[in-house]
Amino acid sequence: MTKLEAAEIRSLPKEIRDQARRGEILDAASRCVVRHGFHAASMAEIAGEAAMSVGQIYRYFASKEAIVHALVERIVDSRVAWIETHDLVRTHLPSELARRLTTAEGPQHREEKVLMMEVTAEATRNPEVARVLRSADERLRDTAAELIRQAFPEIIGSELMARLELIAALAEGTAMRRITGITRDQERLSEVYRHVFEAVFPAGKPD
């Protein structure tokens, strides 16, 4: 960073500076977790990756679990935005699941996937991380449930939750299967996924 760039940053309002700093820390933490795993990504390593002192890190995050919480929330924000702007059942999600299994993923998507796998594994041992993961899952589920209720008002209560659970299992399973790198027929997969979704949500489908 040049002196001019540093001066420009210092001239920004404190709230914006703090937000930028938090973003830098989260980016650094994500790289550390992806590179070495959850446990090896110590606060000292995160600080080094972010070119800050450990004390500076603690100014913005009280613990590594707090960093994990913020990382998961950032991923959930992105997924919620996707859910809110796509047709979950009829078009986009079946095609997206097929695409994920048949095309090379970019660095950002790979980092996000590896990070969530590390956090999920840690949740089996760490109650606080498990709580963060449950909260994220509930937020995604509630967002999807509201949108599906609008399209399929006849599906309610535990029946809706059970069908959403199948969608979640397909989405998460797709992420795991992609690791194998096996070549698949995207068009055929998209068709199969679409048939599954039409079977799960057969009634009252909008034209």
C-alpha atoms as a PDB file:
ATOM      1  CA  MET A   1       0.000   0.000   0.000  1.00  0.00           C
ATOM      2  CA  THR A   2       1.343   3.407  -0.975  1.00  0.00           C
ATOM      3  CA  LYS A   3       1.414   6.396   1.363  1.00  0.00           C
ATOM      4  CA  LEU A   4      -1.296   8.021  -0.742  1.00  0.00           C
ATOM      5  CA  GLU A   5      -3.547   4.969  -0.461  1.00  0.00           C
ATOM      6  CA  ALA A   6      -2.949   4.811   3.296  1.00  0.00           C
ATOM      7  CA  ALA A   7      -3.818   8.491   3.620  1.00  0.00           C
ATOM      8  CA  GLU A   8      -7.010   7.982   1.628  1.00  0.00           C
ATOM      9  CA  ILE A   9      -8.044   5.125   3.921  1.00  0.00           C
ATOM     10  CA  ARG A  10      -7.367   7.212   7.038  1.00  0.00           C
ATOM     11  CA  SER A  11      -9.577   9.961   5.620  1.00  0.00           C
ATOM     12  CA  LEU A  12     -12.596   7.639   5.467  1.00  0.00           C
ATOM     13  CA  PRO A  13     -15.192   7.622   8.276  1.00  0.00           C
ATOM     14  CA  LYS A  14     -14.283   5.242  11.114  1.00  0.00           C
ATOM     15  CA  GLU A  15     -17.245   2.954  10.439  1.00  0.00           C
ATOM     16  CA  ILE A  16     -16.107   2.395   6.853  1.00  0.00           C
ATOM     17  CA  ARG A  17     -12.474   1.916   7.931  1.00  0.00           C
ATOM     18  CA  ASP A  18     -13.551  -0.675  10.500  1.00  0.00           C
ATOM     19  CA  GLN A  19     -15.688  -2.468   7.945  1.00  0.00           C
ATOM     20  CA  ALA A  20     -12.745  -2.616   5.534  1.00  0.00           C
ATOM     21  CA  ARG A  21     -10.469  -3.947   8.276  1.00  0.00           C
ATOM     22  CA  ARG A  22     -12.972  -6.640   9.207  1.00  0.00           C
ATOM     23  CA  GLY A  23     -13.176  -7.638   5.567  1.00  0.00           C
ATOM     24  CA  GLU A  24      -9.388  -7.928   5.341  1.00  0.00           C
ATOM     25  CA  ILE A  25      -9.316 -10.122   8.449  1.00  0.00           C
ATOM     26  CA  LEU A  26     -12.071 -12.379   7.134  1.00  0.00           C
ATOM     27  CA  ASP A  27     -10.318 -12.746   3.785  1.00  0.00           C
ATOM     28  CA  ALA A  28      -7.086 -13.661   5.558  1.00  0.00           C
ATOM     29  CA  ALA A  29      -8.833 -16.114   7.895  1.00  0.00           C
ATOM     30  CA  SER A  30     -10.570 -17.798   4.981  1.00  0.00           C
ATOM     31  CA  ARG A  31      -7.262 -18.299   3.166  1.00  0.00           C
ATOM     32  CA  CYS A  32      -5.640 -19.705   6.312  1.00  0.00           C
ATOM     33  CA  VAL A  33      -8.452 -22.185   6.986  1.00  0.00           C
ATOM     34  CA  VAL A  34      -8.512 -23.362   3.373  1.00  0.00           C
ATOM     35  CA  ARG A  35      -4.722 -23.688   3.284  1.00  0.00           C
ATOM     36  CA  HIS A  36      -4.106 -25.427   6.623  1.00  0.00           C
ATOM     37  CA  GLY A  37      -7.443 -26.444   8.152  1.00  0.00           C
ATOM     38  CA  PHE A  38      -9.436 -25.019  11.031  1.00  0.00           C
ATOM     39  CA  HIS A  39      -7.178 -25.921  13.938  1.00  0.00           C
ATOM     40  CA  ALA A  40      -3.929 -24.920  12.244  1.00  0.00           C
ATOM     41  CA  ALA A  41      -5.365 -21.505  11.408  1.00  0.00           C
ATOM     42  CA  SER A  42      -4.342 -19.811  14.652  1.00  0.00           C
ATOM     43  CA  MET A  43      -5.001 -16.182  15.491  1.00  0.00           C
ATOM     44  CA  ALA A  44      -1.288 -15.554  15.033  1.00  0.00           C
ATOM     45  CA  GLU A  45      -1.338 -17.033  11.541  1.00  0.00           C
ATOM     46  CA  ILE A  46      -4.465 -15.063  10.629  1.00  0.00           C
ATOM     47  CA  ALA A  47      -2.814 -11.892  11.891  1.00  0.00           C
ATOM     48  CA  GLY A  48       0.287 -12.594   9.798  1.00  0.00           C
ATOM     49  CA  GLU A  49      -1.808 -13.275   6.705  1.00  0.00           C
ATOM     50  CA  ALA A  50      -3.684 -10.001   7.238  1.00  0.00           C
ATOM     51  CA  ALA A  51      -0.436  -8.076   7.911  1.00  0.00           C
ATOM     52  CA  MET A  52      -1.718  -7.042  11.335  1.00  0.00           C
ATOM     53  CA  SER A  53      -0.808  -7.767  14.914  1.00  0.00           C
ATOM     54  CA  VAL A  54      -2.791 -10.244  16.985  1.00  0.00           C
ATOM     55  CA  GLY A  55      -3.882  -7.328  19.154  1.00  0.00           C
ATOM     56  CA  GLN A  56      -5.369  -5.625  16.108  1.00  0.00           C
ATOM     57  CA  ILE A  57      -7.299  -8.776  15.244  1.00  0.00           C
ATOM     58  CA  TYR A  58      -8.799  -8.863  18.739  1.00  0.00           C
ATOM     59  CA  ARG A  59      -9.976  -5.280  18.323  1.00  0.00           C
ATOM     60  CA  TYR A  60     -12.427  -6.543  15.700  1.00  0.00           C
ATOM     61  CA  PHE A  61     -13.081 -10.154  16.744  1.00  0.00           C
ATOM     62  CA  ALA A  62     -13.151 -11.528  20.280  1.00  0.00           C
ATOM     63  CA  SER A  63     -12.148 -15.067  19.282  1.00  0.00           C
ATOM     64  CA  LYS A  64     -11.555 -17.404  16.367  1.00  0.00           C
ATOM     65  CA  GLU A  65     -15.142 -18.591  16.789  1.00  0.00           C
ATOM     66  CA  ALA A  66     -16.283 -14.998  16.245  1.00  0.00           C
ATOM     67  CA  ILE A  67     -14.294 -14.919  13.012  1.00  0.00           C
ATOM     68  CA  VAL A  68     -15.874 -18.207  11.940  1.00  0.00           C
ATOM     69  CA  HIS A  69     -19.311 -16.771  12.722  1.00  0.00           C
ATOM     70  CA  ALA A  70     -18.622 -13.759  10.500  1.00  0.00           C
ATOM     71  CA  LEU A  71     -17.224 -15.955   7.708  1.00  0.00           C
ATOM     72  CA  VAL A  72     -20.293 -18.197   7.746  1.00  0.00           C
ATOM     73  CA  GLU A  73     -22.613 -15.186   7.813  1.00  0.00           C
ATOM     74  CA  ARG A  74     -20.850 -13.751   4.775  1.00  0.00           C
ATOM     75  CA  ILE A  75     -21.368 -16.987   2.866  1.00  0.00           C
ATOM     76  CA  VAL A  76     -24.994 -17.165   3.981  1.00  0.00           C
ATOM     77  CA  ASP A  77     -25.588 -13.575   2.834  1.00  0.00           C
ATOM     78  CA  SER A  78     -24.410 -14.584  -0.628  1.00  0.00           C
ATOM     79  CA  ARG A  79     -26.566 -17.727  -0.685  1.00  0.00           C
ATOM     80  CA  VAL A  80     -29.649 -15.893   0.571  1.00  0.00           C
ATOM     81  CA  ALA A  81     -29.196 -13.293  -2.168  1.00  0.00           C
ATOM     82  CA  TRP A  82     -29.028 -16.113  -4.731  1.00  0.00           C
ATOM     83  CA  ILE A  83     -32.140 -17.807  -3.355  1.00  0.00           C
ATOM     84  CA  GLU A  84     -34.114 -14.563  -3.388  1.00  0.00           C
ATOM     85  CA  THR A  85     -33.355 -13.872  -7.051  1.00  0.00           C
ATOM     86  CA  HIS A  86     -33.778 -17.349  -8.593  1.00  0.00           C
ATOM     87  CA  ASP A  87     -36.592 -19.827  -9.197  1.00  0.00           C
ATOM     88  CA  LEU A  88     -35.641 -22.528  -6.723  1.00  0.00           C
ATOM     89  CA  VAL A  89     -37.803 -25.332  -8.030  1.00  0.00           C
ATOM     90  CA  ARG A  90     -38.619 -24.969 -11.693  1.00  0.00           C
ATOM     91  CA  THR A  91     -35.479 -23.712 -13.387  1.00  0.00           C
ATOM     92  CA  HIS A  92     -32.422 -22.409 -11.626  1.00  0.00           C
ATOM     93  CA  LEU A  93     -31.644 -24.836  -8.827  1.00  0.00           C
ATOM     94  CA  PRO A  94     -31.871 -28.073 -10.878  1.00  0.00           C
ATOM     95  CA  SER A  95     -29.683 -26.498 -13.568  1.00  0.00           C
ATOM     96  CA  GLU A  96     -27.294 -25.063 -10.987  1.00  0.00           C
ATOM     97  CA  LEU A  97     -26.826 -28.412  -9.239  1.00  0.00           C
ATOM     98  CA  ALA A  98     -26.066 -30.084 -12.565  1.00  0.00           C
ATOM     99  CA  ARG A  99     -23.671 -27.298 -13.518  1.00  0.00           C
ATOM    100  CA  ARG A 100     -21.785 -27.636 -10.238  1.00  0.00           C
ATOM    101  CA  LEU A 101     -21.156 -31.322 -10.892  1.00  0.00           C
ATOM    102  CA  THR A 102     -19.969 -30.895 -14.468  1.00  0.00           C
ATOM    103  CA  THR A 103     -17.957 -27.675 -14.667  1.00  0.00           C
ATOM    104  CA  ALA A 104     -14.717 -26.508 -13.118  1.00  0.00           C
ATOM    105  CA  GLU A 105     -15.226 -24.274 -10.118  1.00  0.00           C
ATOM    106  CA  GLY A 106     -13.541 -20.905  -9.687  1.00  0.00           C
ATOM    107  CA  PRO A 107     -11.165 -20.149  -6.804  1.00  0.00           C
ATOM    108  CA  GLN A 108     -13.828 -18.260  -4.831  1.00  0.00           C
ATOM    109  CA  HIS A 109     -16.349 -21.108  -4.962  1.00  0.00           C
ATOM    110  CA  ARG A 110     -13.710 -23.674  -4.085  1.00  0.00           C
ATOM    111  CA  GLU A 111     -12.581 -21.596  -1.102  1.00  0.00           C
ATOM    112  CA  GLU A 112     -16.160 -21.221   0.095  1.00  0.00           C
ATOM    113  CA  LYS A 113     -16.808 -24.962  -0.199  1.00  0.00           C
ATOM    114  CA  VAL A 114     -13.613 -25.976   1.601  1.00  0.00           C
ATOM    115  CA  LEU A 115     -14.270 -23.417   4.320  1.00  0.00           C
ATOM    116  CA  MET A 116     -17.788 -24.743   4.961  1.00  0.00           C
ATOM    117  CA  MET A 117     -16.497 -28.315   5.055  1.00  0.00           C
ATOM    118  CA  GLU A 118     -13.886 -27.329   7.647  1.00  0.00           C
ATOM    119  CA  VAL A 119     -16.492 -25.487   9.724  1.00  0.00           C
ATOM    120  CA  THR A 120     -18.892 -28.449   9.511  1.00  0.00           C
ATOM    121  CA  ALA A 121     -16.193 -30.835  10.714  1.00  0.00           C
ATOM    122  CA  GLU A 122     -15.310 -28.490  13.587  1.00  0.00           C
ATOM    123  CA  ALA A 123     -19.001 -28.270  14.549  1.00  0.00           C
ATOM    124  CA  THR A 124     -18.883 -31.953  15.536  1.00  0.00           C
ATOM    125  CA  ARG A 125     -16.397 -31.042  18.290  1.00  0.00           C
ATOM    126  CA  ASN A 126     -17.079 -27.410  19.130  1.00  0.00           C
ATOM    127  CA  PRO A 127     -20.560 -26.497  20.503  1.00  0.00           C
ATOM    128  CA  GLU A 128     -20.123 -22.808  19.658  1.00  0.00           C
ATOM    129  CA  VAL A 129     -19.271 -23.534  16.032  1.00  0.00           C
ATOM    130  CA  ALA A 130     -22.203 -25.980  15.925  1.00  0.00           C
ATOM    131  CA  ARG A 131     -24.488 -23.175  17.117  1.00  0.00           C
ATOM    132  CA  VAL A 132     -23.192 -20.863  14.380  1.00  0.00           C
ATOM    133  CA  LEU A 133     -23.794 -23.545  11.753  1.00  0.00           C
ATOM    134  CA  ARG A 134     -27.325 -24.253  13.007  1.00  0.00           C
ATOM    135  CA  SER A 135     -28.166 -20.563  12.929  1.00  0.00           C
ATOM    136  CA  ALA A 136     -26.897 -20.273   9.349  1.00  0.00           C
ATOM    137  CA  ASP A 137     -28.871 -23.340   8.285  1.00  0.00           C
ATOM    138  CA  GLU A 138     -32.050 -21.979   9.874  1.00  0.00           C
ATOM    139  CA  ARG A 139     -31.654 -18.669   8.081  1.00  0.00           C
ATOM    140  CA  LEU A 140     -31.239 -20.355   4.694  1.00  0.00           C
ATOM    141  CA  ARG A 141     -34.129 -22.711   5.396  1.00  0.00           C
ATOM    142  CA  ASP A 142     -36.463 -19.899   6.463  1.00  0.00           C
ATOM    143  CA  THR A 143     -35.631 -17.842   3.367  1.00  0.00           C
ATOM    144  CA  ALA A 144     -36.258 -20.785   1.036  1.00  0.00           C
ATOM    145  CA  ALA A 145     -39.417 -21.795   2.915  1.00  0.00           C
ATOM    146  CA  GLU A 146     -40.980 -18.360   2.533  1.00  0.00           C
ATOM    147  CA  LEU A 147     -40.363 -18.295  -1.210  1.00  0.00           C
ATOM    148  CA  ILE A 148     -41.693 -21.820  -1.710  1.00  0.00           C
ATOM    149  CA  ARG A 149     -44.800 -21.051   0.370  1.00  0.00           C
ATOM    150  CA  GLN A 150     -45.592 -18.266  -2.084  1.00  0.00           C
ATOM    151  CA  ALA A 151     -45.398 -20.634  -5.060  1.00  0.00           C
ATOM    152  CA  PHE A 152     -46.909 -23.691  -3.326  1.00  0.00           C
ATOM    153  CA  PRO A 153     -49.290 -22.407  -0.613  1.00  0.00           C
ATOM    154  CA  GLU A 154     -50.873 -25.859  -0.278  1.00  0.00           C
ATOM    155  CA  ILE A 155     -47.602 -27.316   1.112  1.00  0.00           C
ATOM    156  CA  ILE A 156     -47.320 -26.274   4.754  1.00  0.00           C
ATOM    157  CA  GLY A 157     -45.842 -27.149   8.124  1.00  0.00           C
ATOM    158  CA  SER A 158     -43.709 -30.232   8.587  1.00  0.00           C
ATOM    159  CA  GLU A 159     -44.436 -31.366   5.016  1.00  0.00           C
ATOM    160  CA  LEU A 160     -42.775 -28.249   3.625  1.00  0.00           C
ATOM    161  CA  MET A 161     -39.821 -28.620   5.995  1.00  0.00           C
ATOM    162  CA  ALA A 162     -39.330 -32.253   4.971  1.00  0.00           C
ATOM    163  CA  ARG A 163     -39.255 -31.347   1.286  1.00  0.00           C
ATOM    164  CA  LEU A 164     -36.849 -28.509   1.936  1.00  0.00           C
ATOM    165  CA  GLU A 165     -34.608 -30.951   3.788  1.00  0.00           C
ATOM    166  CA  LEU A 166     -34.379 -33.057   0.632  1.00  0.00           C
ATOM    167  CA  ILE A 167     -33.350 -29.990  -1.378  1.00  0.00           C
ATOM    168  CA  ALA A 168     -30.700 -29.169   1.221  1.00  0.00           C
ATOM    169  CA  ALA A 169     -29.382 -32.743   1.105  1.00  0.00           C
ATOM    170  CA  LEU A 170     -29.147 -32.595  -2.691  1.00  0.00           C
ATOM    171  CA  ALA A 171     -27.342 -29.252  -2.616  1.00  0.00           C
ATOM    172  CA  GLU A 172     -24.857 -30.294   0.069  1.00  0.00           C
ATOM    173  CA  GLY A 173     -24.349 -33.722  -1.472  1.00  0.00           C
ATOM    174  CA  THR A 174     -23.595 -32.112  -4.816  1.00  0.00           C
ATOM    175  CA  ALA A 175     -20.814 -30.089  -3.196  1.00  0.00           C
ATOM    176  CA  MET A 176     -19.292 -33.262  -1.752  1.00  0.00           C
ATOM    177  CA  ARG A 177     -19.632 -35.259  -4.984  1.00  0.00           C
ATOM    178  CA  ARG A 178     -17.879 -32.549  -6.954  1.00  0.00           C
ATOM    179  CA  ILE A 179     -14.647 -33.371  -5.147  1.00  0.00           C
ATOM    180  CA  THR A 180     -14.346 -36.611  -7.123  1.00  0.00           C
ATOM    181  CA  GLY A 181     -13.870 -34.690 -10.363  1.00  0.00           C
ATOM    182  CA  ILE A 182     -15.682 -37.378 -12.389  1.00  0.00           C
ATOM    183  CA  THR A 183     -16.975 -36.158 -15.764  1.00  0.00           C
ATOM    184  CA  ARG A 184     -20.770 -36.146 -16.064  1.00  0.00           C
ATOM    185  CA  ASP A 185     -23.390 -35.210 -18.657  1.00  0.00           C
ATOM    186  CA  GLN A 186     -24.655 -31.797 -17.553  1.00  0.00           C
ATOM    187  CA  GLU A 187     -27.751 -31.781 -19.766  1.00  0.00           C
ATOM    188  CA  ARG A 188     -28.827 -35.228 -18.585  1.00  0.00           C
ATOM    189  CA  LEU A 189     -28.147 -34.387 -14.943  1.00  0.00           C
ATOM    190  CA  SER A 190     -30.140 -31.176 -15.209  1.00  0.00           C
ATOM    191  CA  GLU A 191     -33.077 -33.144 -16.613  1.00  0.00           C
ATOM    192  CA  VAL A 192     -32.887 -35.722 -13.809  1.00  0.00           C
ATOM    193  CA  TYR A 193     -32.688 -33.049 -11.108  1.00  0.00           C
ATOM    194  CA  ARG A 194     -35.674 -31.283 -12.650  1.00  0.00           C
ATOM    195  CA  HIS A 195     -37.715 -34.506 -12.539  1.00  0.00           C
ATOM    196  CA  VAL A 196     -36.824 -34.925  -8.861  1.00  0.00           C
ATOM    197  CA  PHE A 197     -37.876 -31.384  -8.042  1.00  0.00           C
ATOM    198  CA  GLU A 198     -41.145 -31.746  -9.953  1.00  0.00           C
ATOM    199  CA  ALA A 199     -41.874 -34.917  -7.971  1.00  0.00           C
ATOM    200  CA  VAL A 200     -41.169 -33.163  -4.674  1.00  0.00           C
ATOM    201  CA  PHE A 201     -43.258 -30.095  -5.600  1.00  0.00           C
ATOM    202  CA  PRO A 202     -45.923 -31.495  -7.981  1.00  0.00           C
ATOM    203  CA  ALA A 203     -49.020 -29.559  -7.010  1.00  0.00           C
ATOM    204  CA  GLY A 204     -49.916 -25.972  -7.729  1.00  0.00           C
ATOM    205  CA  LYS A 205     -46.841 -25.295  -9.851  1.00  0.00           C
ATOM    206  CA  PRO A 206     -47.074 -21.892 -11.495  1.00  0.00           C
ATOM    207  CA  ASP A 207     -47.260 -21.805 -15.302  1.00  0.00           C
END
